[in-house]
Each structure stands twice: as structure tokens, then as C-alpha cells.
Amino acid sequence: MKISSRFSVAIHILVLLECGKDKIFTSEFIAGSVNTNPVVIRRIMGKLKEAGLIDVKSGTGGAHLLKAPKEISLYDVYKAGDVVSAGELFSIHENANAECPVGAKIQGVLEIFLSKAQEAMEQVLKEVTIKDILDML
């Protein structure tokens, strides 16, 4: 299972806003950069605004970061986009055969390890900022 592309699109938006902080970007312009529909951009920007990462001006367009790029971690973006709920990065098949010795216990066992894997990934996201992404472009 993949994390929703909303995550990478949200990062793209934040980096673009910082790179062109002296410009006014419409959702149509941003959509052209991302190569998606402007409605998708507006939805994601709405999530970023709700999370306090950007401010968006209605009408003529325009948005800007509310925090310095070094203060916005990829984890902040990940959480803002409602990409995945806590402990639900991995899907575990349901309705395994309870009569089977593996089927009866596999879900509980996998949840332990997959939860740890999600926590490790989230820790890495906490250590990387939008500034780090900008520095690598």
C-alpha cells in the first residue's frame, strides 16, 4: 500500500511557495507545476491552511508559508494532509480463518511490528524539513 500522493503534492506546494515567495501563485499555476487538477491543489492547500502551515488569500489567489521552511518538518506535512491515521500505514487482511493456527494470531502479531515500522518512518519525517528539501533542489 502506498501513502497517498497528497503528501508529496503538499511538499511540492510548500517548496514552490517558498521558492516564489515574492510571487502570487494561483491554484491553476500550482496545478500546472504538479501536473494535476486545480481542485486537488485547493483541497490540499485547505488542509495545509487548517494545519497552520500556510495562509491562503481567496479570489485573486496567493498563498505563503506561515512558518520558516526550517520549522516545517515533513511530519508536519504528513499529519496536515491526513495521509494516514495513527497505526494504519499498513493494511492487514481481515477475516483470517480463526480455525487456522496462523490465521487466529497473525493480525495481532503483525500489528506489533508494523506499528513499530510506522513509528520509525514518522521519526525520520520529523527530522527532515522543507528547508532540507529546498537545499537539495
C-alpha atoms as a PDB file:
ATOM      1  CA  MET A   1       0.000   0.000   0.000  1.00  0.00           C
ATOM      2  CA  LYS A   2       1.294   3.459  -0.840  1.00  0.00           C
ATOM      3  CA  ILE A   3       0.944   6.645   1.136  1.00  0.00           C
ATOM      4  CA  SER A   4      -1.426   8.982  -0.657  1.00  0.00           C
ATOM      5  CA  SER A   5       0.206  11.240  -3.231  1.00  0.00           C
ATOM      6  CA  ARG A   6      -1.355  14.163  -1.309  1.00  0.00           C
ATOM      7  CA  PHE A   7       1.763  14.003   0.871  1.00  0.00           C
ATOM      8  CA  SER A   8       4.245  14.608  -1.948  1.00  0.00           C
ATOM      9  CA  VAL A   9       1.926  17.164  -3.574  1.00  0.00           C
ATOM     10  CA  ALA A  10       1.717  19.074  -0.277  1.00  0.00           C
ATOM     11  CA  ILE A  11       5.528  19.142  -0.051  1.00  0.00           C
ATOM     12  CA  HIS A  12       5.685  20.311  -3.678  1.00  0.00           C
ATOM     13  CA  ILE A  13       3.256  23.150  -2.870  1.00  0.00           C
ATOM     14  CA  LEU A  14       5.223  24.305   0.181  1.00  0.00           C
ATOM     15  CA  VAL A  15       8.528  24.256  -1.686  1.00  0.00           C
ATOM     16  CA  LEU A  16       7.015  26.113  -4.631  1.00  0.00           C
ATOM     17  CA  LEU A  17       5.520  28.787  -2.347  1.00  0.00           C
ATOM     18  CA  GLU A  18       8.880  29.338  -0.699  1.00  0.00           C
ATOM     19  CA  CYS A  19      10.788  29.421  -3.997  1.00  0.00           C
ATOM     20  CA  GLY A  20       8.400  32.029  -5.377  1.00  0.00           C
ATOM     21  CA  LYS A  21       7.576  33.829  -2.155  1.00  0.00           C
ATOM     22  CA  ASP A  22       7.561  37.189  -3.954  1.00  0.00           C
ATOM     23  CA  LYS A  23       5.009  35.953  -6.497  1.00  0.00           C
ATOM     24  CA  ILE A  24       1.305  35.235  -6.381  1.00  0.00           C
ATOM     25  CA  PHE A  25       0.563  31.680  -7.433  1.00  0.00           C
ATOM     26  CA  THR A  26      -2.964  30.640  -8.316  1.00  0.00           C
ATOM     27  CA  SER A  27      -4.140  27.094  -7.804  1.00  0.00           C
ATOM     28  CA  GLU A  28      -4.107  26.772 -11.591  1.00  0.00           C
ATOM     29  CA  PHE A  29      -0.425  27.700 -11.738  1.00  0.00           C
ATOM     30  CA  ILE A  30       0.453  25.312  -8.915  1.00  0.00           C
ATOM     31  CA  ALA A  31      -1.614  22.582 -10.576  1.00  0.00           C
ATOM     32  CA  GLY A  32       0.456  23.088 -13.716  1.00  0.00           C
ATOM     33  CA  SER A  33       3.652  22.613 -11.746  1.00  0.00           C
ATOM     34  CA  VAL A  34       2.327  19.480 -10.054  1.00  0.00           C
ATOM     35  CA  ASN A  35       0.531  18.313 -13.213  1.00  0.00           C
ATOM     36  CA  THR A  36      -2.831  17.785 -11.558  1.00  0.00           C
ATOM     37  CA  ASN A  37      -6.233  19.409 -11.311  1.00  0.00           C
ATOM     38  CA  PRO A  38      -6.546  22.800  -9.532  1.00  0.00           C
ATOM     39  CA  VAL A  39      -9.315  21.339  -7.354  1.00  0.00           C
ATOM     40  CA  VAL A  40      -6.812  18.858  -5.925  1.00  0.00           C
ATOM     41  CA  ILE A  41      -4.437  21.730  -5.166  1.00  0.00           C
ATOM     42  CA  ARG A  42      -7.168  23.747  -3.437  1.00  0.00           C
ATOM     43  CA  ARG A  43      -8.120  20.778  -1.255  1.00  0.00           C
ATOM     44  CA  ILE A  44      -4.544  20.142  -0.213  1.00  0.00           C
ATOM     45  CA  MET A  45      -3.915  23.835   0.399  1.00  0.00           C
ATOM     46  CA  GLY A  46      -7.034  23.863   2.571  1.00  0.00           C
ATOM     47  CA  LYS A  47      -5.503  21.102   4.709  1.00  0.00           C
ATOM     48  CA  LEU A  48      -2.196  22.985   4.907  1.00  0.00           C
ATOM     49  CA  LYS A  49      -4.077  26.110   5.957  1.00  0.00           C
ATOM     50  CA  GLU A  50      -6.045  24.214   8.631  1.00  0.00           C
ATOM     51  CA  ALA A  51      -2.743  22.921   9.985  1.00  0.00           C
ATOM     52  CA  GLY A  52      -1.375  26.459  10.252  1.00  0.00           C
ATOM     53  CA  LEU A  53       1.362  25.913   7.694  1.00  0.00           C
ATOM     54  CA  ILE A  54       0.157  28.391   5.066  1.00  0.00           C
ATOM     55  CA  ASP A  55      -2.159  31.350   4.633  1.00  0.00           C
ATOM     56  CA  VAL A  56      -4.289  31.491   1.509  1.00  0.00           C
ATOM     57  CA  LYS A  57      -5.946  34.559   0.034  1.00  0.00           C
ATOM     58  CA  SER A  58      -9.233  33.930  -1.714  1.00  0.00           C
ATOM     59  CA  GLY A  59     -10.120  35.390  -5.065  1.00  0.00           C
ATOM     60  CA  THR A  60      -7.034  36.541  -6.920  1.00  0.00           C
ATOM     61  CA  GLY A  61      -5.010  33.824  -5.307  1.00  0.00           C
ATOM     62  CA  GLY A  62      -1.836  33.859  -3.426  1.00  0.00           C
ATOM     63  CA  ALA A  63      -0.516  31.892  -0.514  1.00  0.00           C
ATOM     64  CA  HIS A  64       2.532  31.998   1.686  1.00  0.00           C
ATOM     65  CA  LEU A  65       4.172  29.953   4.402  1.00  0.00           C
ATOM     66  CA  LEU A  66       3.291  30.885   7.976  1.00  0.00           C
ATOM     67  CA  LYS A  67       6.495  29.347   9.324  1.00  0.00           C
ATOM     68  CA  ALA A  68      10.081  29.366   8.176  1.00  0.00           C
ATOM     69  CA  PRO A  69      10.955  26.361   5.990  1.00  0.00           C
ATOM     70  CA  LYS A  70      13.333  25.097   8.692  1.00  0.00           C
ATOM     71  CA  GLU A  71      10.395  24.993  11.119  1.00  0.00           C
ATOM     72  CA  ILE A  72       8.168  22.800   8.924  1.00  0.00           C
ATOM     73  CA  SER A  73       9.026  19.124   9.152  1.00  0.00           C
ATOM     74  CA  LEU A  74       7.850  16.541   6.682  1.00  0.00           C
ATOM     75  CA  TYR A  75       5.992  15.014   9.625  1.00  0.00           C
ATOM     76  CA  ASP A  76       4.022  18.273   9.950  1.00  0.00           C
ATOM     77  CA  VAL A  77       3.060  17.955   6.288  1.00  0.00           C
ATOM     78  CA  TYR A  78       2.270  14.259   6.677  1.00  0.00           C
ATOM     79  CA  LYS A  79      -0.082  14.982   9.581  1.00  0.00           C
ATOM     80  CA  ALA A  80      -1.646  18.017   7.896  1.00  0.00           C
ATOM     81  CA  GLY A  81      -2.629  16.011   4.858  1.00  0.00           C
ATOM     82  CA  ASP A  82      -4.439  13.302   6.802  1.00  0.00           C
ATOM     83  CA  VAL A  83      -2.378  10.920   4.739  1.00  0.00           C
ATOM     84  CA  VAL A  84      -2.791   8.017   7.116  1.00  0.00           C
ATOM     85  CA  SER A  85      -4.186   7.550  10.603  1.00  0.00           C
ATOM     86  CA  ALA A  86      -2.025   6.541  13.560  1.00  0.00           C
ATOM     87  CA  GLY A  87      -1.108   2.886  13.350  1.00  0.00           C
ATOM     88  CA  GLU A  88      -2.770   2.428   9.966  1.00  0.00           C
ATOM     89  CA  LEU A  89       0.039   2.860   7.449  1.00  0.00           C
ATOM     90  CA  PHE A  90      -0.123  -0.834   6.664  1.00  0.00           C
ATOM     91  CA  SER A  91      -3.312  -2.687   5.879  1.00  0.00           C
ATOM     92  CA  ILE A  92      -3.647  -6.118   7.396  1.00  0.00           C
ATOM     93  CA  HIS A  93      -6.042  -8.524   5.784  1.00  0.00           C
ATOM     94  CA  GLU A  94      -9.157  -9.052   7.826  1.00  0.00           C
ATOM     95  CA  ASN A  95     -11.297 -12.099   8.411  1.00  0.00           C
ATOM     96  CA  ALA A  96      -8.480 -14.617   8.504  1.00  0.00           C
ATOM     97  CA  ASN A  97      -9.633 -18.098   9.358  1.00  0.00           C
ATOM     98  CA  ALA A  98      -9.816 -18.230  13.169  1.00  0.00           C
ATOM     99  CA  GLU A  99      -9.653 -22.048  12.991  1.00  0.00           C
ATOM    100  CA  CYS A 100      -6.189 -21.855  11.427  1.00  0.00           C
ATOM    101  CA  PRO A 101      -3.283 -21.613  13.899  1.00  0.00           C
ATOM    102  CA  VAL A 102      -1.727 -18.819  11.777  1.00  0.00           C
ATOM    103  CA  GLY A 103      -4.985 -17.088  10.877  1.00  0.00           C
ATOM    104  CA  ALA A 104      -6.032 -16.913  14.523  1.00  0.00           C
ATOM    105  CA  LYS A 105      -2.977 -14.892  15.575  1.00  0.00           C
ATOM    106  CA  ILE A 106      -1.353 -13.286  12.516  1.00  0.00           C
ATOM    107  CA  GLN A 107      -3.182  -9.950  12.722  1.00  0.00           C
ATOM    108  CA  GLY A 108      -2.154  -9.277  16.338  1.00  0.00           C
ATOM    109  CA  VAL A 109       1.450 -10.241  15.692  1.00  0.00           C
ATOM    110  CA  LEU A 110       1.754  -8.163  12.523  1.00  0.00           C
ATOM    111  CA  GLU A 111       0.195  -5.116  14.219  1.00  0.00           C
ATOM    112  CA  ILE A 112       3.062  -5.056  16.745  1.00  0.00           C
ATOM    113  CA  PHE A 113       5.803  -4.922  14.105  1.00  0.00           C
ATOM    114  CA  LEU A 114       4.025  -2.795  11.549  1.00  0.00           C
ATOM    115  CA  SER A 115       3.182  -0.212  14.200  1.00  0.00           C
ATOM    116  CA  LYS A 116       6.892  -0.014  15.069  1.00  0.00           C
ATOM    117  CA  ALA A 117       7.728   0.412  11.379  1.00  0.00           C
ATOM    118  CA  GLN A 118       5.265   3.296  11.082  1.00  0.00           C
ATOM    119  CA  GLU A 119       6.736   4.953  14.184  1.00  0.00           C
ATOM    120  CA  ALA A 120      10.246   4.661  12.704  1.00  0.00           C
ATOM    121  CA  MET A 121       9.133   6.203   9.412  1.00  0.00           C
ATOM    122  CA  GLU A 122       7.401   9.051  11.242  1.00  0.00           C
ATOM    123  CA  GLN A 123      10.566   9.711  13.246  1.00  0.00           C
ATOM    124  CA  VAL A 124      12.532  10.138  10.018  1.00  0.00           C
ATOM    125  CA  LEU A 125       9.888  12.577   8.741  1.00  0.00           C
ATOM    126  CA  LYS A 126      10.270  14.607  11.937  1.00  0.00           C
ATOM    127  CA  GLU A 127      13.988  15.020  11.183  1.00  0.00           C
ATOM    128  CA  VAL A 128      13.578  16.390   7.642  1.00  0.00           C
ATOM    129  CA  THR A 129      12.327  19.906   6.959  1.00  0.00           C
ATOM    130  CA  ILE A 130      11.100  21.852   3.980  1.00  0.00           C
ATOM    131  CA  LYS A 131      14.421  23.717   4.143  1.00  0.00           C
ATOM    132  CA  ASP A 132      16.233  20.387   3.693  1.00  0.00           C
ATOM    133  CA  ILE A 133      14.184  19.764   0.554  1.00  0.00           C
ATOM    134  CA  LEU A 134      14.879  23.287  -0.728  1.00  0.00           C
ATOM    135  CA  ASP A 135      18.609  22.844  -0.103  1.00  0.00           C
ATOM    136  CA  MET A 136      18.632  19.722  -2.264  1.00  0.00           C
ATOM    137  CA  LEU A 137      16.900  21.280  -5.293  1.00  0.00           C
END
